[in-house]
Amino acid sequence: SSLPSLLVSVDIFHYKTKHSEKDEYCGQHCNPLLFPDIYDVKTKTWFFNSSAAEQTNVWFNGYHSIVHNMMGSWFEFFLDEMIKEQNCFLVASLEK
């Protein structure tokens, strides 16, 4: 094929629990450990919390019907305000 190989990282939790170790394709193309931008092999630490990103995407998807037709500036404003509200909610729930 003339197309370059495509890697599609998945959340580490998803990778470890939902993919068979025998799945060679997934092991070669979806393993988040293969992405040097999100994982440091030397220190064995993550630069990017893919689980938090996954949870945020799920949370924000609940607003899809509201935002899908918004103009860019309205979308940015809405997103900014909703993230502020969500952060306040999370902080308050953690302080309980």
Protein backbone atom coordinates (compact mmCIF):
# COMPACT_ATOMS: atom_id res chain seq x y z
CA SER A 1 0.00 0.00 0.00
CA SER A 2 1.20 3.51 -0.73
CA LEU A 3 -0.48 4.86 2.41
CA PRO A 4 1.66 5.13 5.53
CA SER A 5 0.80 2.95 8.50
CA LEU A 6 -1.84 4.43 10.72
CA LEU A 7 -1.54 4.20 14.49
CA VAL A 8 -4.66 4.79 16.55
CA SER A 9 -3.93 5.04 20.23
CA VAL A 10 -6.60 3.95 22.66
CA ASP A 11 -6.92 4.71 26.34
CA ILE A 12 -4.51 2.53 28.39
CA PHE A 13 -7.37 1.13 30.49
CA HIS A 14 -9.27 0.20 27.34
CA TYR A 15 -6.15 -1.31 25.83
CA LYS A 16 -5.38 -3.45 28.87
CA THR A 17 -8.93 -4.64 29.58
CA LYS A 18 -10.72 -4.77 26.24
CA HIS A 19 -8.05 -6.04 23.86
CA SER A 20 -6.77 -9.58 23.72
CA GLU A 21 -3.03 -10.03 24.07
CA LYS A 22 -3.33 -12.29 21.03
CA ASP A 23 -4.67 -9.44 18.89
CA GLU A 24 -1.54 -8.64 16.87
CA TYR A 25 -3.11 -5.79 14.92
CA CYS A 26 -4.15 -3.97 18.06
CA GLY A 27 -0.79 -4.63 19.70
CA GLN A 28 0.99 -3.06 16.74
CA HIS A 29 -1.38 -0.18 16.00
CA CYS A 30 -3.35 0.75 19.13
CA ASN A 31 -0.92 0.31 22.01
CA PRO A 32 -0.60 3.70 23.75
CA LEU A 33 2.92 2.77 24.84
CA LEU A 34 4.00 3.17 21.20
CA PHE A 35 3.37 6.92 21.28
CA PRO A 36 6.43 8.82 22.52
CA ASP A 37 4.38 12.02 22.73
CA ILE A 38 2.27 10.58 25.55
CA TYR A 39 4.56 8.04 27.25
CA ASP A 40 8.19 8.30 28.39
CA VAL A 41 9.78 4.87 28.09
CA LYS A 42 12.81 5.84 30.20
CA THR A 43 10.86 7.04 33.23
CA LYS A 44 7.77 4.91 32.55
CA THR A 45 5.50 7.91 33.07
CA TRP A 46 2.63 9.33 31.06
CA PHE A 47 2.75 12.87 29.70
CA PHE A 48 -0.93 12.71 28.88
CA ASN A 49 -3.77 11.29 30.93
CA SER A 50 -5.78 9.49 28.27
CA SER A 51 -8.29 8.20 30.82
CA ALA A 52 -9.14 11.75 31.89
CA ALA A 53 -9.41 12.78 28.25
CA GLU A 54 -11.73 9.85 27.57
CA GLN A 55 -13.95 10.77 30.52
CA THR A 56 -14.02 14.41 29.42
CA ASN A 57 -15.02 13.42 25.89
CA VAL A 58 -17.85 11.27 27.25
CA TRP A 59 -19.00 14.14 29.48
CA PHE A 60 -18.84 16.70 26.67
CA ASN A 61 -20.62 14.40 24.23
CA GLY A 62 -23.72 14.96 26.35
CA TYR A 63 -23.81 18.49 24.91
CA HIS A 64 -23.47 17.43 21.28
CA SER A 65 -27.07 18.23 20.39
CA ILE A 66 -26.59 21.76 21.75
CA VAL A 67 -23.27 22.58 20.11
CA HIS A 68 -23.29 20.81 16.76
CA ASN A 69 -24.70 23.82 14.88
CA MET A 70 -22.97 26.57 16.86
CA MET A 71 -20.74 29.14 15.24
CA GLY A 72 -17.11 28.95 16.35
CA SER A 73 -17.16 31.87 18.78
CA TRP A 74 -20.36 30.65 20.47
CA PHE A 75 -18.94 27.13 20.66
CA GLU A 76 -15.73 28.37 22.30
CA PHE A 77 -17.71 30.47 24.79
CA PHE A 78 -20.06 27.60 25.62
CA LEU A 79 -17.21 25.14 26.00
CA ASP A 80 -15.27 27.52 28.23
CA GLU A 81 -18.28 28.14 30.48
CA MET A 82 -19.24 24.48 30.71
CA ILE A 83 -15.70 23.46 31.62
CA LYS A 84 -15.62 26.13 34.35
CA GLU A 85 -18.93 24.85 35.73
CA GLN A 86 -17.80 21.23 35.56
CA ASN A 87 -14.55 22.08 37.34
CA CYS A 88 -16.45 23.89 40.12
CA PHE A 89 -18.77 20.90 40.46
CA LEU A 90 -15.87 18.44 40.62
CA VAL A 91 -13.93 20.50 43.17
CA ALA A 92 -17.03 20.84 45.35
CA SER A 93 -17.72 17.10 45.18
CA LEU A 94 -14.11 16.31 46.10
CA GLU A 95 -14.23 18.65 49.09
CA LYS A 96 -17.19 16.79 50.61
